[in-house]
Amino acid sequence: MEYKVVPFVATLNQQQQNTSIAAQQLEDLIKNYVSHGWEYVRVESVSTYVQPDEGCFGIGAKQGFMASYQMVVFSKENHV
């Protein structure tokens, strides 16, 4: 079994900010990979801690924070 994990970030504009557009973008991503022989498995949320940036002499310093990313998982049977 072979797996592929791709990031998913919905892009919305201020005039059309609703979940149906995000859902359509996810559907299009899934359809694209399925058309190339991949099978959709699931969407996973991956969280990570982004280290603080000390800046130059403390100027422009940024605090660390938690970031969450959505990853779409696909699988494909190996045909050897």
PDB file of N, CA and C in Angstrom:
ATOM      1  N   MET A   1       0.850  -1.176   0.000  1.00  0.00           N
ATOM      2  CA  MET A   1       0.000   0.000   0.000  1.00  0.00           C
ATOM      3  C   MET A   1       0.894   1.237   0.000  1.00  0.00           C
ATOM      4  N   GLU A   2       0.538   2.188  -0.792  1.00  0.00           N
ATOM      5  CA  GLU A   2       1.262   3.452  -0.887  1.00  0.00           C
ATOM      6  C   GLU A   2       0.343   4.562  -0.379  1.00  0.00           C
ATOM      7  N   TYR A   3       0.926   5.535   0.316  1.00  0.00           N
ATOM      8  CA  TYR A   3       0.134   6.647   0.849  1.00  0.00           C
ATOM      9  C   TYR A   3       0.672   7.973   0.347  1.00  0.00           C
ATOM     10  N   LYS A   4      -0.220   8.934   0.232  1.00  0.00           N
ATOM     11  CA  LYS A   4       0.139  10.309  -0.130  1.00  0.00           C
ATOM     12  C   LYS A   4      -0.627  11.221   0.810  1.00  0.00           C
ATOM     13  N   VAL A   5       0.077  12.182   1.397  1.00  0.00           N
ATOM     14  CA  VAL A   5      -0.545  13.151   2.296  1.00  0.00           C
ATOM     15  C   VAL A   5      -0.285  14.540   1.721  1.00  0.00           C
ATOM     16  N   VAL A   6      -1.351  15.302   1.488  1.00  0.00           N
ATOM     17  CA  VAL A   6      -1.220  16.639   0.910  1.00  0.00           C
ATOM     18  C   VAL A   6      -1.904  17.659   1.815  1.00  0.00           C
ATOM     19  N   PRO A   7      -1.317  18.846   1.944  1.00  0.00           N
ATOM     20  CA  PRO A   7      -1.943  19.877   2.775  1.00  0.00           C
ATOM     21  C   PRO A   7      -3.189  20.437   2.104  1.00  0.00           C
ATOM     22  N   PHE A   8      -4.145  20.830   2.927  1.00  0.00           N
ATOM     23  CA  PHE A   8      -5.348  21.485   2.414  1.00  0.00           C
ATOM     24  C   PHE A   8      -5.561  22.775   3.181  1.00  0.00           C
ATOM     25  N   VAL A   9      -5.586  23.881   2.441  1.00  0.00           N
ATOM     26  CA  VAL A   9      -5.892  25.192   3.003  1.00  0.00           C
ATOM     27  C   VAL A   9      -6.942  25.817   2.105  1.00  0.00           C
ATOM     28  N   ALA A  10      -8.119  26.030   2.639  1.00  0.00           N
ATOM     29  CA  ALA A  10      -9.172  26.670   1.861  1.00  0.00           C
ATOM     30  C   ALA A  10      -8.839  28.146   1.678  1.00  0.00           C
ATOM     31  N   THR A  11      -9.153  28.684   0.506  1.00  0.00           N
ATOM     32  CA  THR A  11      -8.927  30.090   0.208  1.00  0.00           C
ATOM     33  C   THR A  11     -10.274  30.755  -0.005  1.00  0.00           C
ATOM     34  N   LEU A  12     -10.596  31.683   0.871  1.00  0.00           N
ATOM     35  CA  LEU A  12     -11.868  32.399   0.794  1.00  0.00           C
ATOM     36  C   LEU A  12     -11.601  33.888   0.658  1.00  0.00           C
ATOM     37  N   ASN A  13     -12.503  34.587  -0.031  1.00  0.00           N
ATOM     38  CA  ASN A  13     -12.371  36.042  -0.083  1.00  0.00           C
ATOM     39  C   ASN A  13     -13.439  36.668   0.817  1.00  0.00           C
ATOM     40  N   GLN A  14     -13.316  37.941   1.067  1.00  0.00           N
ATOM     41  CA  GLN A  14     -14.196  38.628   2.011  1.00  0.00           C
ATOM     42  C   GLN A  14     -15.661  38.623   1.578  1.00  0.00           C
ATOM     43  N   GLN A  15     -15.935  38.645   0.289  1.00  0.00           N
ATOM     44  CA  GLN A  15     -17.317  38.697  -0.191  1.00  0.00           C
ATOM     45  C   GLN A  15     -18.002  37.334  -0.166  1.00  0.00           C
ATOM     46  N   GLN A  16     -17.239  36.245  -0.232  1.00  0.00           N
ATOM     47  CA  GLN A  16     -17.828  34.903  -0.319  1.00  0.00           C
ATOM     48  C   GLN A  16     -17.330  34.012   0.801  1.00  0.00           C
ATOM     49  N   GLN A  17     -17.244  34.527   1.992  1.00  0.00           N
ATOM     50  CA  GLN A  17     -16.685  33.783   3.118  1.00  0.00           C
ATOM     51  C   GLN A  17     -17.735  32.834   3.690  1.00  0.00           C
ATOM     52  N   ASN A  18     -17.834  31.632   3.136  1.00  0.00           N
ATOM     53  CA  ASN A  18     -18.738  30.636   3.704  1.00  0.00           C
ATOM     54  C   ASN A  18     -18.179  29.236   3.499  1.00  0.00           C
ATOM     55  N   THR A  19     -18.732  28.307   4.241  1.00  0.00           N
ATOM     56  CA  THR A  19     -18.187  26.952   4.247  1.00  0.00           C
ATOM     57  C   THR A  19     -18.434  26.189   2.951  1.00  0.00           C
ATOM     58  N   SER A  20     -19.437  26.571   2.182  1.00  0.00           N
ATOM     59  CA  SER A  20     -19.693  25.834   0.944  1.00  0.00           C
ATOM     60  C   SER A  20     -18.538  25.999  -0.048  1.00  0.00           C
ATOM     61  N   ILE A  21     -17.888  27.138  -0.037  1.00  0.00           N
ATOM     62  CA  ILE A  21     -16.738  27.350  -0.935  1.00  0.00           C
ATOM     63  C   ILE A  21     -15.558  26.500  -0.474  1.00  0.00           C
ATOM     64  N   ALA A  22     -15.320  26.456   0.832  1.00  0.00           N
ATOM     65  CA  ALA A  22     -14.247  25.614   1.364  1.00  0.00           C
ATOM     66  C   ALA A  22     -14.528  24.146   1.059  1.00  0.00           C
ATOM     67  N   ALA A  23     -15.777  23.731   1.202  1.00  0.00           N
ATOM     68  CA  ALA A  23     -16.156  22.350   0.908  1.00  0.00           C
ATOM     69  C   ALA A  23     -15.924  22.031  -0.573  1.00  0.00           C
ATOM     70  N   GLN A  24     -16.240  22.961  -1.451  1.00  0.00           N
ATOM     71  CA  GLN A  24     -16.037  22.745  -2.890  1.00  0.00           C
ATOM     72  C   GLN A  24     -14.551  22.617  -3.209  1.00  0.00           C
ATOM     73  N   GLN A  25     -13.715  23.415  -2.549  1.00  0.00           N
ATOM     74  CA  GLN A  25     -12.271  23.322  -2.770  1.00  0.00           C
ATOM     75  C   GLN A  25     -11.730  21.969  -2.316  1.00  0.00           C
ATOM     76  N   LEU A  26     -12.231  21.469  -1.188  1.00  0.00           N
ATOM     77  CA  LEU A  26     -11.808  20.150  -0.716  1.00  0.00           C
ATOM     78  C   LEU A  26     -12.290  19.065  -1.672  1.00  0.00           C
ATOM     79  N   GLU A  27     -13.527  19.182  -2.131  1.00  0.00           N
ATOM     80  CA  GLU A  27     -14.066  18.205  -3.090  1.00  0.00           C
ATOM     81  C   GLU A  27     -13.242  18.191  -4.373  1.00  0.00           C
ATOM     82  N   ASP A  28     -12.869  19.355  -4.868  1.00  0.00           N
ATOM     83  CA  ASP A  28     -12.057  19.434  -6.091  1.00  0.00           C
ATOM     84  C   ASP A  28     -10.692  18.779  -5.888  1.00  0.00           C
ATOM     85  N   LEU A  29     -10.078  18.993  -4.720  1.00  0.00           N
ATOM     86  CA  LEU A  29      -8.800  18.365  -4.419  1.00  0.00           C
ATOM     87  C   LEU A  29      -8.933  16.846  -4.429  1.00  0.00           C
ATOM     88  N   ILE A  30      -9.969  16.349  -3.767  1.00  0.00           N
ATOM     89  CA  ILE A  30     -10.196  14.898  -3.712  1.00  0.00           C
ATOM     90  C   ILE A  30     -10.438  14.340  -5.107  1.00  0.00           C
ATOM     91  N   LYS A  31     -11.292  14.985  -5.898  1.00  0.00           N
ATOM     92  CA  LYS A  31     -11.582  14.519  -7.265  1.00  0.00           C
ATOM     93  C   LYS A  31     -10.315  14.477  -8.115  1.00  0.00           C
ATOM     94  N   ASN A  32      -9.436  15.469  -7.952  1.00  0.00           N
ATOM     95  CA  ASN A  32      -8.194  15.513  -8.713  1.00  0.00           C
ATOM     96  C   ASN A  32      -7.329  14.290  -8.424  1.00  0.00           C
ATOM     97  N   TYR A  33      -7.142  13.963  -7.148  1.00  0.00           N
ATOM     98  CA  TYR A  33      -6.294  12.820  -6.794  1.00  0.00           C
ATOM     99  C   TYR A  33      -6.963  11.494  -7.147  1.00  0.00           C
ATOM    100  N   VAL A  34      -8.272  11.413  -6.987  1.00  0.00           N
ATOM    101  CA  VAL A  34      -8.995  10.187  -7.349  1.00  0.00           C
ATOM    102  C   VAL A  34      -8.860   9.930  -8.856  1.00  0.00           C
ATOM    103  N   SER A  35      -8.890  10.988  -9.659  1.00  0.00           N
ATOM    104  CA  SER A  35      -8.754  10.819 -11.112  1.00  0.00           C
ATOM    105  C   SER A  35      -7.363  10.324 -11.510  1.00  0.00           C
ATOM    106  N   HIS A  36      -6.397  10.415 -10.593  1.00  0.00           N
ATOM    107  CA  HIS A  36      -5.037   9.916 -10.839  1.00  0.00           C
ATOM    108  C   HIS A  36      -4.782   8.583 -10.139  1.00  0.00           C
ATOM    109  N   GLY A  37      -5.860   7.894  -9.747  1.00  0.00           N
ATOM    110  CA  GLY A  37      -5.727   6.550  -9.194  1.00  0.00           C
ATOM    111  C   GLY A  37      -5.598   6.470  -7.687  1.00  0.00           C
ATOM    112  N   TRP A  38      -5.667   7.595  -6.991  1.00  0.00           N
ATOM    113  CA  TRP A  38      -5.576   7.586  -5.536  1.00  0.00           C
ATOM    114  C   TRP A  38      -6.959   7.422  -4.930  1.00  0.00           C
ATOM    115  N   GLU A  39      -7.024   6.791  -3.776  1.00  0.00           N
ATOM    116  CA  GLU A  39      -8.287   6.624  -3.060  1.00  0.00           C
ATOM    117  C   GLU A  39      -8.271   7.523  -1.828  1.00  0.00           C
ATOM    118  N   TYR A  40      -9.327   8.313  -1.664  1.00  0.00           N
ATOM    119  CA  TYR A  40      -9.429   9.197  -0.500  1.00  0.00           C
ATOM    120  C   TYR A  40      -9.561   8.354   0.762  1.00  0.00           C
ATOM    121  N   VAL A  41      -8.801   8.691   1.811  1.00  0.00           N
ATOM    122  CA  VAL A  41      -8.863   7.986   3.086  1.00  0.00           C
ATOM    123  C   VAL A  41      -9.536   8.854   4.139  1.00  0.00           C
ATOM    124  N   ARG A  42      -8.971  10.038   4.413  1.00  0.00           N
ATOM    125  CA  ARG A  42      -9.540  10.923   5.430  1.00  0.00           C
ATOM    126  C   ARG A  42      -8.781  12.257   5.467  1.00  0.00           C
ATOM    127  N   VAL A  43      -9.326  13.185   6.263  1.00  0.00           N
ATOM    128  CA  VAL A  43      -8.649  14.450   6.547  1.00  0.00           C
ATOM    129  C   VAL A  43      -8.136  14.363   7.975  1.00  0.00           C
ATOM    130  N   GLU A  44      -6.869  14.715   8.164  1.00  0.00           N
ATOM    131  CA  GLU A  44      -6.235  14.696   9.482  1.00  0.00           C
ATOM    132  C   GLU A  44      -5.842  16.119   9.868  1.00  0.00           C
ATOM    133  N   SER A  45      -5.936  16.422  11.138  1.00  0.00           N
ATOM    134  CA  SER A  45      -5.467  17.697  11.659  1.00  0.00           C
ATOM    135  C   SER A  45      -4.121  17.458  12.330  1.00  0.00           C
ATOM    136  N   VAL A  46      -3.121  18.243  11.935  1.00  0.00           N
ATOM    137  CA  VAL A  46      -1.780  18.125  12.493  1.00  0.00           C
ATOM    138  C   VAL A  46      -1.448  19.440  13.189  1.00  0.00           C
ATOM    139  N   SER A  47      -1.097  19.361  14.467  1.00  0.00           N
ATOM    140  CA  SER A  47      -0.738  20.557  15.232  1.00  0.00           C
ATOM    141  C   SER A  47       0.758  20.565  15.497  1.00  0.00           C
ATOM    142  N   THR A  48       1.327  21.748  15.491  1.00  0.00           N
ATOM    143  CA  THR A  48       2.747  21.891  15.763  1.00  0.00           C
ATOM    144  C   THR A  48       2.994  23.198  16.507  1.00  0.00           C
ATOM    145  N   TYR A  49       4.080  23.243  17.240  1.00  0.00           N
ATOM    146  CA  TYR A  49       4.454  24.465  17.935  1.00  0.00           C
ATOM    147  C   TYR A  49       5.477  25.210  17.092  1.00  0.00           C
ATOM    148  N   VAL A  50       5.186  26.453  16.770  1.00  0.00           N
ATOM    149  CA  VAL A  50       6.108  27.299  16.021  1.00  0.00           C
ATOM    150  C   VAL A  50       6.962  28.049  17.037  1.00  0.00           C
ATOM    151  N   GLN A  51       8.259  27.843  16.964  1.00  0.00           N
ATOM    152  CA  GLN A  51       9.204  28.430  17.917  1.00  0.00           C
ATOM    153  C   GLN A  51       9.154  29.958  17.864  1.00  0.00           C
ATOM    154  N   PRO A  52       9.393  30.609  19.012  1.00  0.00           N
ATOM    155  CA  PRO A  52       9.435  32.072  19.015  1.00  0.00           C
ATOM    156  C   PRO A  52      10.625  32.582  18.207  1.00  0.00           C
ATOM    157  N   ASP A  53      10.501  33.789  17.711  1.00  0.00           N
ATOM    158  CA  ASP A  53      11.572  34.453  16.970  1.00  0.00           C
ATOM    159  C   ASP A  53      12.079  35.584  17.857  1.00  0.00           C
ATOM    160  N   GLU A  54      13.332  35.502  18.258  1.00  0.00           N
ATOM    161  CA  GLU A  54      13.900  36.488  19.191  1.00  0.00           C
ATOM    162  C   GLU A  54      14.097  37.859  18.546  1.00  0.00           C
ATOM    163  N   GLY A  55      14.112  37.914  17.223  1.00  0.00           N
ATOM    164  CA  GLY A  55      14.354  39.186  16.553  1.00  0.00           C
ATOM    165  C   GLY A  55      15.808  39.602  16.689  1.00  0.00           C
ATOM    166  N   CYS A  56      16.143  40.726  16.165  1.00  0.00           N
ATOM    167  CA  CYS A  56      17.506  41.261  16.250  1.00  0.00           C
ATOM    168  C   CYS A  56      17.575  42.190  17.461  1.00  0.00           C
ATOM    169  N   PHE A  57      18.300  41.773  18.493  1.00  0.00           N
ATOM    170  CA  PHE A  57      18.399  42.521  19.745  1.00  0.00           C
ATOM    171  C   PHE A  57      17.028  42.712  20.396  1.00  0.00           C
ATOM    172  N   GLY A  58      16.113  41.776  20.146  1.00  0.00           N
ATOM    173  CA  GLY A  58      14.773  41.859  20.733  1.00  0.00           C
ATOM    174  C   GLY A  58      13.797  42.692  19.926  1.00  0.00           C
ATOM    175  N   ILE A  59      14.281  43.384  18.903  1.00  0.00           N
ATOM    176  CA  ILE A  59      13.403  44.205  18.056  1.00  0.00           C
ATOM    177  C   ILE A  59      12.717  43.285  17.050  1.00  0.00           C
ATOM    178  N   GLY A  60      11.423  43.377  16.984  1.00  0.00           N
ATOM    179  CA  GLY A  60      10.650  42.543  16.066  1.00  0.00           C
ATOM    180  C   GLY A  60      10.455  41.128  16.567  1.00  0.00           C
ATOM    181  N   ALA A  61      10.680  40.902  17.862  1.00  0.00           N
ATOM    182  CA  ALA A  61      10.508  39.564  18.439  1.00  0.00           C
ATOM    183  C   ALA A  61       9.049  39.110  18.313  1.00  0.00           C
ATOM    184  N   LYS A  62       8.865  37.819  18.110  1.00  0.00           N
ATOM    185  CA  LYS A  62       7.523  37.238  17.990  1.00  0.00           C
ATOM    186  C   LYS A  62       7.423  36.061  18.942  1.00  0.00           C
ATOM    187  N   GLN A  63       6.300  35.961  19.612  1.00  0.00           N
ATOM    188  CA  GLN A  63       6.070  34.846  20.528  1.00  0.00           C
ATOM    189  C   GLN A  63       5.831  33.556  19.753  1.00  0.00           C
ATOM    190  N   GLY A  64       6.132  32.430  20.390  1.00  0.00           N
ATOM    191  CA  GLY A  64       5.804  31.139  19.808  1.00  0.00           C
ATOM    192  C   GLY A  64       4.301  30.916  19.867  1.00  0.00           C
ATOM    193  N   PHE A  65       3.823  30.005  19.040  1.00  0.00           N
ATOM    194  CA  PHE A  65       2.384  29.737  19.019  1.00  0.00           C
ATOM    195  C   PHE A  65       2.113  28.346  18.464  1.00  0.00           C
ATOM    196  N   MET A  66       0.925  27.860  18.717  1.00  0.00           N
ATOM    197  CA  MET A  66       0.475  26.584  18.162  1.00  0.00           C
ATOM    198  C   MET A  66      -0.164  26.843  16.800  1.00  0.00           C
ATOM    199  N   ALA A  67       0.139  25.998  15.841  1.00  0.00           N
ATOM    200  CA  ALA A  67      -0.455  26.095  14.506  1.00  0.00           C
ATOM    201  C   ALA A  67      -1.083  24.755  14.166  1.00  0.00           C
ATOM    202  N   SER A  68      -2.218  24.793  13.509  1.00  0.00           N
ATOM    203  CA  SER A  68      -2.915  23.572  13.122  1.00  0.00           C
ATOM    204  C   SER A  68      -3.072  23.547  11.607  1.00  0.00           C
ATOM    205  N   TYR A  69      -2.801  22.396  11.020  1.00  0.00           N
ATOM    206  CA  TYR A  69      -2.876  22.236   9.567  1.00  0.00           C
ATOM    207  C   TYR A  69      -3.772  21.053   9.237  1.00  0.00           C
ATOM    208  N   GLN A  70      -4.487  21.157   8.120  1.00  0.00           N
ATOM    209  CA  GLN A  70      -5.331  20.063   7.647  1.00  0.00           C
ATOM    210  C   GLN A  70      -4.585  19.324   6.537  1.00  0.00           C
ATOM    211  N   MET A  71      -4.517  18.012   6.668  1.00  0.00           N
ATOM    212  CA  MET A  71      -3.837  17.169   5.684  1.00  0.00           C
ATOM    213  C   MET A  71      -4.837  16.150   5.140  1.00  0.00           C
ATOM    214  N   VAL A  72      -4.838  15.977   3.840  1.00  0.00           N
ATOM    215  CA  VAL A  72      -5.725  15.017   3.195  1.00  0.00           C
ATOM    216  C   VAL A  72      -4.910  13.770   2.882  1.00  0.00           C
ATOM    217  N   VAL A  73      -5.410  12.619   3.323  1.00  0.00           N
ATOM    218  CA  VAL A  73      -4.698  11.348   3.168  1.00  0.00           C
ATOM    219  C   VAL A  73      -5.329  10.543   2.037  1.00  0.00           C
ATOM    220  N   PHE A  74      -4.487  10.050   1.141  1.00  0.00           N
ATOM    221  CA  PHE A  74      -4.896   9.195   0.037  1.00  0.00           C
ATOM    222  C   PHE A  74      -4.081   7.912   0.080  1.00  0.00           C
ATOM    223  N   SER A  75      -4.616   6.855  -0.503  1.00  0.00           N
ATOM    224  CA  SER A  75      -3.871   5.592  -0.592  1.00  0.00           C
ATOM    225  C   SER A  75      -4.011   5.023  -2.002  1.00  0.00           C
ATOM    226  N   LYS A  76      -3.083   4.113  -2.313  1.00  0.00           N
ATOM    227  CA  LYS A  76      -3.093   3.459  -3.619  1.00  0.00           C
ATOM    228  C   LYS A  76      -2.466   2.091  -3.448  1.00  0.00           C
ATOM    229  N   GLU A  77      -3.041   1.087  -4.079  1.00  0.00           N
ATOM    230  CA  GLU A  77      -2.473  -0.257  -4.053  1.00  0.00           C
ATOM    231  C   GLU A  77      -1.232  -0.282  -4.921  1.00  0.00           C
ATOM    232  N   ASN A  78      -0.164  -0.908  -4.409  1.00  0.00           N
ATOM    233  CA  ASN A  78       1.046  -1.120  -5.199  1.00  0.00           C
ATOM    234  C   ASN A  78       0.809  -2.283  -6.152  1.00  0.00           C
ATOM    235  N   HIS A  79       1.062  -2.067  -7.402  1.00  0.00           N
ATOM    236  CA  HIS A  79       0.931  -3.142  -8.398  1.00  0.00           C
ATOM    237  C   HIS A  79       2.319  -3.516  -8.872  1.00  0.00           C
ATOM    238  N   VAL A  80       2.873  -4.542  -8.224  1.00  0.00           N
ATOM    239  CA  VAL A  80       4.237  -4.967  -8.547  1.00  0.00           C
ATOM    240  C   VAL A  80       4.202  -6.213  -9.405  1.00  0.00           C
TER     241      VAL A  80
END
